[in-house]
C-alpha atoms as a PDB file:
ATOM      1  CA  MET A   1      99.547  98.897  77.901  1.00  0.00           C
ATOM      2  CA  LEU A   2     102.380  97.227  79.832  1.00  0.00           C
ATOM      3  CA  ARG A   3     104.406 100.412  79.642  1.00  0.00           C
ATOM      4  CA  ASP A   4     101.514 102.411  81.116  1.00  0.00           C
ATOM      5  CA  VAL A   5     101.101  99.899  83.955  1.00  0.00           C
ATOM      6  CA  LEU A   6     104.807  99.999  84.789  1.00  0.00           C
ATOM      7  CA  LEU A   7     104.903 103.787  84.569  1.00  0.00           C
ATOM      8  CA  ARG A   8     101.927 104.083  86.898  1.00  0.00           C
ATOM      9  CA  GLU A   9     103.526 101.689  89.358  1.00  0.00           C
ATOM     10  CA  TRP A  10     106.787 103.634  89.260  1.00  0.00           C
ATOM     11  CA  ARG A  11     104.944 106.843  90.042  1.00  0.00           C
ATOM     12  CA  GLY A  12     102.758 105.265  92.682  1.00  0.00           C
ATOM     13  CA  VAL A  13     105.252 103.270  94.744  1.00  0.00           C
ATOM     14  CA  VAL A  14     108.486 105.172  94.036  1.00  0.00           C
ATOM     15  CA  ALA A  15     108.027 108.738  92.801  1.00  0.00           C
ATOM     16  CA  VAL A  16     105.112 109.830  95.017  1.00  0.00           C
ATOM     17  CA  PRO A  17     106.513 108.349  98.258  1.00  0.00           C
ATOM     18  CA  CYS A  18     109.970 109.812  97.566  1.00  0.00           C
ATOM     19  CA  ARG A  19     108.510 113.260  96.903  1.00  0.00           C
ATOM     20  CA  ARG A  20     106.444 113.116 100.071  1.00  0.00           C
ATOM     21  CA  LEU A  21     109.494 112.002 102.042  1.00  0.00           C
ATOM     22  CA  LEU A  22     111.449 114.973 100.723  1.00  0.00           C
ATOM     23  CA  GLU A  23     108.587 117.301 101.664  1.00  0.00           C
ATOM     24  CA  ARG A  24     107.984 115.920 105.165  1.00  0.00           C
ATOM     25  CA  GLY A  25     111.427 114.748 106.147  1.00  0.00           C
ATOM     26  CA  PRO A  26     111.907 112.067 108.822  1.00  0.00           C
ATOM     27  CA  LEU A  27     108.474 112.853 110.310  1.00  0.00           C
ATOM     28  CA  GLY A  28     106.939 111.420 107.148  1.00  0.00           C
ATOM     29  CA  VAL A  29     108.117 107.955 108.170  1.00  0.00           C
ATOM     30  CA  SER A  30     107.887 108.336 111.935  1.00  0.00           C
ATOM     31  CA  LEU A  31     105.755 105.195 112.288  1.00  0.00           C
ATOM     32  CA  ALA A  32     108.223 103.176 110.210  1.00  0.00           C
ATOM     33  CA  LEU A  33     111.112 104.482 112.320  1.00  0.00           C
ATOM     34  CA  PHE A  34     109.218 103.684 115.520  1.00  0.00           C
ATOM     35  CA  ALA A  35     108.415 100.162 114.320  1.00  0.00           C
ATOM     36  CA  THR A  36     112.042  99.512 113.348  1.00  0.00           C
ATOM     37  CA  VAL A  37     113.440 100.841 116.628  1.00  0.00           C
ATOM     38  CA  ALA A  38     110.789  98.936 118.588  1.00  0.00           C
ATOM     39  CA  VAL A  39     111.639  95.649 116.881  1.00  0.00           C
ATOM     40  CA  ILE A  40     115.371  96.168 117.456  1.00  0.00           C
ATOM     41  CA  GLY A  41     114.830  97.192 121.069  1.00  0.00           C
ATOM     42  CA  LEU A  42     112.474  94.311 121.874  1.00  0.00           C
ATOM     43  CA  HIS A  43     114.781  91.848 120.142  1.00  0.00           C
ATOM     44  CA  GLU A  44     117.794  92.976 122.147  1.00  0.00           C
ATOM     45  CA  PHE A  45     115.795  93.096 125.371  1.00  0.00           C
ATOM     46  CA  GLN A  46     114.518  89.612 124.624  1.00  0.00           C
ATOM     47  CA  GLN A  47     118.084  88.282 124.701  1.00  0.00           C
ATOM     48  CA  THR A  48     118.387  88.952 128.429  1.00  0.00           C
ATOM     49  CA  ALA A  49     116.960  86.662 131.093  1.00  0.00           C
ATOM     50  CA  VAL A  50     114.633  89.291 132.504  1.00  0.00           C
ATOM     51  CA  GLY A  51     113.749  90.686 129.089  1.00  0.00           C
ATOM     52  CA  ALA A  52     112.670  87.325 127.723  1.00  0.00           C
ATOM     53  CA  ASP A  53     110.122  86.958 130.506  1.00  0.00           C
ATOM     54  CA  VAL A  54     108.875  90.542 130.158  1.00  0.00           C
ATOM     55  CA  VAL A  55     108.466  90.313 126.376  1.00  0.00           C
ATOM     56  CA  ARG A  56     106.727  86.969 126.750  1.00  0.00           C
ATOM     57  CA  VAL A  57     104.240  88.373 129.259  1.00  0.00           C
ATOM     58  CA  LEU A  58     103.547  91.473 127.155  1.00  0.00           C
ATOM     59  CA  SER A  59     103.424  90.039 123.649  1.00  0.00           C
ATOM     60  CA  GLU A  60     103.341  86.246 123.434  1.00  0.00           C
ATOM     61  CA  VAL A  61     100.152  85.187 121.656  1.00  0.00           C
ATOM     62  CA  ARG A  62      99.070  81.554 121.325  1.00  0.00           C
ATOM     63  CA  ALA A  63      95.848  79.856 120.360  1.00  0.00           C
ATOM     64  CA  ASP A  64      95.649  78.018 123.689  1.00  0.00           C
ATOM     65  CA  GLN A  65      95.383  81.289 125.635  1.00  0.00           C
ATOM     66  CA  PRO A  66      92.147  82.907 126.774  1.00  0.00           C
ATOM     67  CA  LEU A  67      90.873  85.150 123.994  1.00  0.00           C
ATOM     68  CA  TRP A  68      90.959  88.291 126.141  1.00  0.00           C
ATOM     69  CA  LEU A  69      94.650  87.747 126.872  1.00  0.00           C
ATOM     70  CA  SER A  70      95.476  87.373 123.176  1.00  0.00           C
ATOM     71  CA  LEU A  71      93.577  90.571 122.373  1.00  0.00           C
ATOM     72  CA  ILE A  72      95.511  92.493 125.020  1.00  0.00           C
ATOM     73  CA  ARG A  73      98.881  91.216 123.808  1.00  0.00           C
ATOM     74  CA  THR A  74      98.298  91.517 120.050  1.00  0.00           C
ATOM     75  CA  PRO A  75      99.130  95.271 119.751  1.00  0.00           C
ATOM     76  CA  VAL A  76     102.575  94.666 121.244  1.00  0.00           C
ATOM     77  CA  SER A  77     103.119  91.489 119.219  1.00  0.00           C
ATOM     78  CA  VAL A  78     103.000  93.572 116.023  1.00  0.00           C
ATOM     79  CA  PHE A  79     106.463  94.881 116.918  1.00  0.00           C
ATOM     80  CA  VAL A  80     108.004  91.639 118.186  1.00  0.00           C
ATOM     81  CA  PRO A  81     110.100  89.614 115.722  1.00  0.00           C
ATOM     82  CA  ALA A  82     109.354  85.931 115.333  1.00  0.00           C
ATOM     83  CA  VAL A  83     111.773  83.888 117.422  1.00  0.00           C
ATOM     84  CA  ASP A  84     112.729  81.593 114.530  1.00  0.00           C
ATOM     85  CA  LEU A  85     113.583  84.383 112.056  1.00  0.00           C
ATOM     86  CA  ALA A  86     116.719  86.533 111.721  1.00  0.00           C
ATOM     87  CA  VAL A  87     115.604  89.954 112.910  1.00  0.00           C
ATOM     88  CA  TRP A  88     118.361  91.932 111.166  1.00  0.00           C
ATOM     89  CA  GLY A  89     117.618  90.475 107.759  1.00  0.00           C
ATOM     90  CA  GLY A  90     113.957  91.395 108.079  1.00  0.00           C
ATOM     91  CA  LEU A  91     114.468  95.006 109.156  1.00  0.00           C
ATOM     92  CA  PRO A  92     114.649  96.471 105.608  1.00  0.00           C
ATOM     93  CA  ARG A  93     111.335  94.779 104.735  1.00  0.00           C
ATOM     94  CA  LEU A  94     109.810  95.978 107.979  1.00  0.00           C
ATOM     95  CA  PHE A  95     110.863  99.580 107.425  1.00  0.00           C
ATOM     96  CA  LEU A  96     109.887  99.622 103.745  1.00  0.00           C
ATOM     97  CA  SER A  97     106.436  98.109 104.342  1.00  0.00           C
ATOM     98  CA  PHE A  98     105.557 100.618 107.076  1.00  0.00           C
ATOM     99  CA  ALA A  99     107.188 103.561 105.270  1.00  0.00           C
ATOM    100  CA  LEU A 100     105.356 102.991 101.977  1.00  0.00           C
ATOM    101  CA  ALA A 101     101.993 102.611 103.692  1.00  0.00           C
ATOM    102  CA  GLU A 102     102.610 105.627 105.912  1.00  0.00           C
ATOM    103  CA  LEU A 103     103.684 107.923 103.071  1.00  0.00           C
ATOM    104  CA  LEU A 104     100.884 106.837 100.733  1.00  0.00           C
ATOM    105  CA  PHE A 105      97.922 106.377 103.090  1.00  0.00           C
ATOM    106  CA  GLY A 106      98.824 108.108 106.326  1.00  0.00           C
ATOM    107  CA  ARG A 107     100.147 107.008 109.687  1.00  0.00           C
ATOM    108  CA  ALA A 108      96.790 106.050 111.174  1.00  0.00           C
ATOM    109  CA  ARG A 109      95.721 103.807 108.306  1.00  0.00           C
ATOM    110  CA  ALA A 110      99.090 102.075 108.124  1.00  0.00           C
ATOM    111  CA  LEU A 111      98.855 101.252 111.817  1.00  0.00           C
ATOM    112  CA  VAL A 112      95.242 100.087 111.514  1.00  0.00           C
ATOM    113  CA  VAL A 113      96.056  97.779 108.599  1.00  0.00           C
ATOM    114  CA  ALA A 114      99.085  96.344 110.417  1.00  0.00           C
ATOM    115  CA  TYR A 115      97.009  95.646 113.511  1.00  0.00           C
ATOM    116  CA  ALA A 116      94.018  94.323 111.568  1.00  0.00           C
ATOM    117  CA  VAL A 117      95.975  91.735 109.593  1.00  0.00           C
ATOM    118  CA  THR A 118      97.877  90.618 112.704  1.00  0.00           C
ATOM    119  CA  LEU A 119      94.649  90.250 114.670  1.00  0.00           C
ATOM    120  CA  ALA A 120      93.036  88.375 111.766  1.00  0.00           C
ATOM    121  CA  GLY A 121      95.916  85.903 111.770  1.00  0.00           C
ATOM    122  CA  THR A 122      95.615  85.455 115.536  1.00  0.00           C
ATOM    123  CA  LEU A 123      91.881  84.780 115.386  1.00  0.00           C
ATOM    124  CA  GLY A 124      92.259  82.634 112.275  1.00  0.00           C
ATOM    125  CA  ALA A 125      94.754  80.418 114.078  1.00  0.00           C
ATOM    126  CA  ARG A 126      92.154  79.675 116.730  1.00  0.00           C
ATOM    127  CA  VAL A 127      89.601  78.733 114.096  1.00  0.00           C
ATOM    128  CA  MET A 128      92.030  76.451 112.260  1.00  0.00           C
ATOM    129  CA  VAL A 129      93.082  74.678 115.443  1.00  0.00           C
ATOM    130  CA  ALA A 130      89.423  74.179 116.306  1.00  0.00           C
ATOM    131  CA  LEU A 131      88.756  72.709 112.848  1.00  0.00           C
ATOM    132  CA  GLY A 132      91.621  70.253 113.087  1.00  0.00           C
ATOM    133  CA  PRO A 133      93.724  68.761 110.280  1.00  0.00           C
ATOM    134  CA  ASP A 134      90.854  66.657 108.958  1.00  0.00           C
ATOM    135  CA  ARG A 135      88.963  69.832 107.990  1.00  0.00           C
ATOM    136  CA  LEU A 136      91.814  71.776 106.407  1.00  0.00           C
ATOM    137  CA  GLY A 137      92.734  73.160 109.808  1.00  0.00           C
ATOM    138  CA  LEU A 138      95.765  72.655 112.035  1.00  0.00           C
ATOM    139  CA  PRO A 139      96.709  69.923 114.487  1.00  0.00           C
ATOM    140  CA  ALA A 140      96.052  70.488 118.184  1.00  0.00           C
ATOM    141  CA  ASP A 141      99.721  71.036 119.042  1.00  0.00           C
ATOM    142  CA  ALA A 142      99.719  74.178 116.852  1.00  0.00           C
ATOM    143  CA  ALA A 143      97.778  75.870 119.644  1.00  0.00           C
ATOM    144  CA  HIS A 144     101.005  75.969 121.692  1.00  0.00           C
ATOM    145  CA  ALA A 145     103.020  77.719 118.957  1.00  0.00           C
ATOM    146  CA  VAL A 146     103.696  81.443 119.265  1.00  0.00           C
ATOM    147  CA  ASP A 147     102.130  83.695 116.625  1.00  0.00           C
ATOM    148  CA  THR A 148     104.186  85.188 113.819  1.00  0.00           C
ATOM    149  CA  GLY A 149     104.871  88.587 115.383  1.00  0.00           C
ATOM    150  CA  ALA A 150     105.799  91.403 113.001  1.00  0.00           C
ATOM    151  CA  SER A 151     106.010  89.258 109.854  1.00  0.00           C
ATOM    152  CA  ALA A 152     102.224  89.115 109.371  1.00  0.00           C
ATOM    153  CA  ALA A 153     102.021  92.908 109.551  1.00  0.00           C
ATOM    154  CA  ILE A 154     104.855  93.257 107.025  1.00  0.00           C
ATOM    155  CA  VAL A 155     103.351  91.021 104.353  1.00  0.00           C
ATOM    156  CA  GLY A 156      99.903  92.469 105.036  1.00  0.00           C
ATOM    157  CA  LEU A 157     101.085  96.045 104.508  1.00  0.00           C
ATOM    158  CA  PHE A 158     102.848  95.100 101.283  1.00  0.00           C
ATOM    159  CA  ALA A 159      99.714  93.349 100.015  1.00  0.00           C
ATOM    160  CA  TYR A 160      97.510  96.316 100.942  1.00  0.00           C
ATOM    161  CA  THR A 161      99.847  98.801  99.242  1.00  0.00           C
ATOM    162  CA  ALA A 162     100.209  96.676  96.105  1.00  0.00           C
ATOM    163  CA  VAL A 163      96.457  96.276  95.638  1.00  0.00           C
ATOM    164  CA  ARG A 164      95.596  99.879  96.469  1.00  0.00           C
ATOM    165  CA  MET A 165      98.264 101.257  94.138  1.00  0.00           C
ATOM    166  CA  ARG A 166      97.640  98.608  91.437  1.00  0.00           C
ATOM    167  CA  ALA A 167     101.301  97.600  91.634  1.00  0.00           C
ATOM    168  CA  PRO A 168     101.774  94.064  90.281  1.00  0.00           C
ATOM    169  CA  LEU A 169     105.576  94.143  90.497  1.00  0.00           C
ATOM    170  CA  LEU A 170     105.459  95.065  94.179  1.00  0.00           C
ATOM    171  CA  PHE A 171     103.005  92.235  94.765  1.00  0.00           C
ATOM    172  CA  LEU A 172     105.215  89.760  92.904  1.00  0.00           C
ATOM    173  CA  ALA A 173     108.356  90.844  94.733  1.00  0.00           C
ATOM    174  CA  ALA A 174     107.078  91.339  98.280  1.00  0.00           C
ATOM    175  CA  VAL A 175     103.966  89.155  98.643  1.00  0.00           C
ATOM    176  CA  VAL A 176     104.152  86.174  96.280  1.00  0.00           C
ATOM    177  CA  PRO A 177     107.342  84.669  97.820  1.00  0.00           C
ATOM    178  CA  THR A 178     105.741  84.704 101.272  1.00  0.00           C
ATOM    179  CA  VAL A 179     102.520  83.215  99.932  1.00  0.00           C
ATOM    180  CA  ALA A 180     104.434  80.501  98.069  1.00  0.00           C
ATOM    181  CA  GLY A 181     106.440  79.639 101.165  1.00  0.00           C
ATOM    182  CA  SER A 182     103.300  79.537 103.279  1.00  0.00           C
ATOM    183  CA  ILE A 183     101.626  77.136 100.858  1.00  0.00           C
ATOM    184  CA  ALA A 184     104.722  74.947 100.652  1.00  0.00           C
ATOM    185  CA  GLU A 185     104.992  74.754 104.449  1.00  0.00           C
ATOM    186  CA  PRO A 186     101.433  74.892 105.836  1.00  0.00           C
ATOM    187  CA  ASN A 187     102.281  75.442 109.506  1.00  0.00           C
ATOM    188  CA  LEU A 188     100.798  77.988 111.899  1.00  0.00           C
ATOM    189  CA  ALA A 189     102.965  80.867 110.696  1.00  0.00           C
ATOM    190  CA  GLY A 190     102.261  80.045 107.050  1.00  0.00           C
ATOM    191  CA  ARG A 191      98.516  79.960 107.583  1.00  0.00           C
ATOM    192  CA  GLU A 192      98.627  83.266 109.452  1.00  0.00           C
ATOM    193  CA  HIS A 193     100.560  84.854 106.604  1.00  0.00           C
ATOM    194  CA  LEU A 194      97.941  83.671 104.113  1.00  0.00           C
ATOM    195  CA  ILE A 195      95.168  85.101 106.287  1.00  0.00           C
ATOM    196  CA  ALA A 196      97.053  88.391 106.615  1.00  0.00           C
ATOM    197  CA  VAL A 197      97.418  88.692 102.833  1.00  0.00           C
ATOM    198  CA  ALA A 198      93.764  87.820 102.225  1.00  0.00           C
ATOM    199  CA  VAL A 199      92.508  90.350 104.791  1.00  0.00           C
ATOM    200  CA  ALA A 200      94.839  93.062 103.496  1.00  0.00           C
ATOM    201  CA  MET A 201      93.651  92.523  99.924  1.00  0.00           C
ATOM    202  CA  ALA A 202      90.033  92.636 101.065  1.00  0.00           C
ATOM    203  CA  LEU A 203      90.624  95.903 102.927  1.00  0.00           C
ATOM    204  CA  ALA A 204      92.387  97.365  99.892  1.00  0.00           C
ATOM    205  CA  ALA A 205      89.558  96.290  97.582  1.00  0.00           C
ATOM    206  CA  VAL A 206      87.057  98.037  99.829  1.00  0.00           C
ATOM    207  CA  ARG A 207      89.135 101.214  99.771  1.00  0.00           C
ATOM    208  CA  CYS A 208      89.309 101.031  95.964  1.00  0.00           C
ATOM    209  CA  GLN A 209      85.517 100.993  95.837  1.00  0.00           C
ATOM    210  CA  TRP A 210      85.127 103.688  98.499  1.00  0.00           C
ATOM    211  CA  PRO A 211      88.213 105.924  98.489  1.00  0.00           C
ATOM    212  CA  LEU A 212      88.612 108.637 101.102  1.00  0.00           C
ATOM    213  CA  SER A 213      90.418 111.930 100.657  1.00  0.00           C
ATOM    214  CA  ASP A 214      93.976 110.670 101.138  1.00  0.00           C
ATOM    215  CA  SER A 215      93.500 107.705  98.789  1.00  0.00           C
ATOM    216  CA  GLY A 216      91.932 109.939  96.185  1.00  0.00           C
ATOM    217  CA  ALA A 217      94.822 112.352  96.492  1.00  0.00           C
ATOM    218  CA  VAL A 218      97.296 109.554  95.853  1.00  0.00           C
ATOM    219  CA  ASP A 219      95.361 108.411  92.784  1.00  0.00           C
ATOM    220  CA  GLN A 220      95.303 111.975  91.475  1.00  0.00           C
ATOM    221  CA  GLU A 221      99.050 112.357  92.007  1.00  0.00           C
ATOM    222  CA  VAL A 222      99.812 109.060  90.284  1.00  0.00           C
ATOM    223  CA  GLY A 223      97.587 109.831  87.319  1.00  0.00           C
ATOM    224  CA  HIS A 224      98.587 113.493  87.060  1.00  0.00           C
ATOM    225  CA  GLY A 225     101.600 112.839  84.840  1.00  0.00           C
ATOM    226  CA  SER A 226      99.622 110.719  82.392  1.00  0.00           C
ATOM    227  CA  SER A 227      96.770 113.222  82.246  1.00  0.00           C
ATOM    228  CA  ARG A 228      99.154 116.094  81.692  1.00  0.00           C
ATOM    229  CA  SER A 229     100.927 114.205  78.885  1.00  0.00           C
ATOM    230  CA  ALA A 230      97.624 113.323  77.280  1.00  0.00           C
ATOM    231  CA  GLY A 231      96.463 116.913  77.554  1.00  0.00           C
ATOM    232  CA  SER A 232      99.658 118.215  75.986  1.00  0.00           C
ATOM    233  CA  ALA A 233      99.369 115.734  73.154  1.00  0.00           C
ATOM    234  CA  GLY A 234      95.785 116.775  72.594  1.00  0.00           C
ATOM    235  CA  ARG A 235      96.706 120.450  72.469  1.00  0.00           C
ATOM    236  CA  ARG A 236      99.498 119.761  70.011  1.00  0.00           C
ATOM    237  CA  GLY A 237      97.068 117.807  67.865  1.00  0.00           C
ATOM    238  CA  ASP A 238      94.577 120.684  67.931  1.00  0.00           C
ATOM    239  CA  ARG A 239      97.190 123.156  66.774  1.00  0.00           C
ATOM    240  CA  GLY A 240      98.269 120.849  63.983  1.00  0.00           C
ATOM    241  CA  ASP A 241      94.759 120.181  62.657  1.00  0.00           C
ATOM    242  CA  PRO A 242      94.222 122.354  59.542  1.00  0.00           C
ATOM    243  CA  ARG A 243      90.452 122.156  59.965  1.00  0.00           C
ATOM    244  CA  ARG A 244      90.547 124.239  63.175  1.00  0.00           C
END
């Protein structure tokens, strides 16, 4: 049983994406490349005096802002690194999260999931600040903190991919450490990460119950090797049965 689970995960999150990348070339991960270049470019631009103000105006999201302003800025904030994190260390995770989702589920769905989990974290922060610390929320000063930026999208995409592909090792490696850190340090960023993971898992569970063509194709590709092996074994057994 464990061997079958690991084999399925290997096919789902390694073999199938690699084969699709070989078939499509760099265009197969165009969204991941765009996200990586955007994060690098915005980070470098943010280091200049003018750039810091421009990036702040275009992407800074806080719970004390008018809701309409946060909604306008959220799409750009997906590609802005958190100011308190090392951007270069997070680039491999950023690229891998977007690339896996793009190769397995398509460019549009990867972008929708990234935006949805980021927006959920943004709206959830407002709710938690409104609740206050006495009701398992956040203190009032958390409303002045800047949202997590690209990190919520990264952990959300990993969680979505792990649940959709039934990949427990991917979940343990890419999602559990973030969840554990968020629980250990329950600040604004940690709460937003937890919301992003929860929303991503909910979206993935819905897709599992109601798969569309691309999801079904992935499932068929992942299960093709096992079905073929089972079929071959069955045929060998038929030939070896003296009663036939």
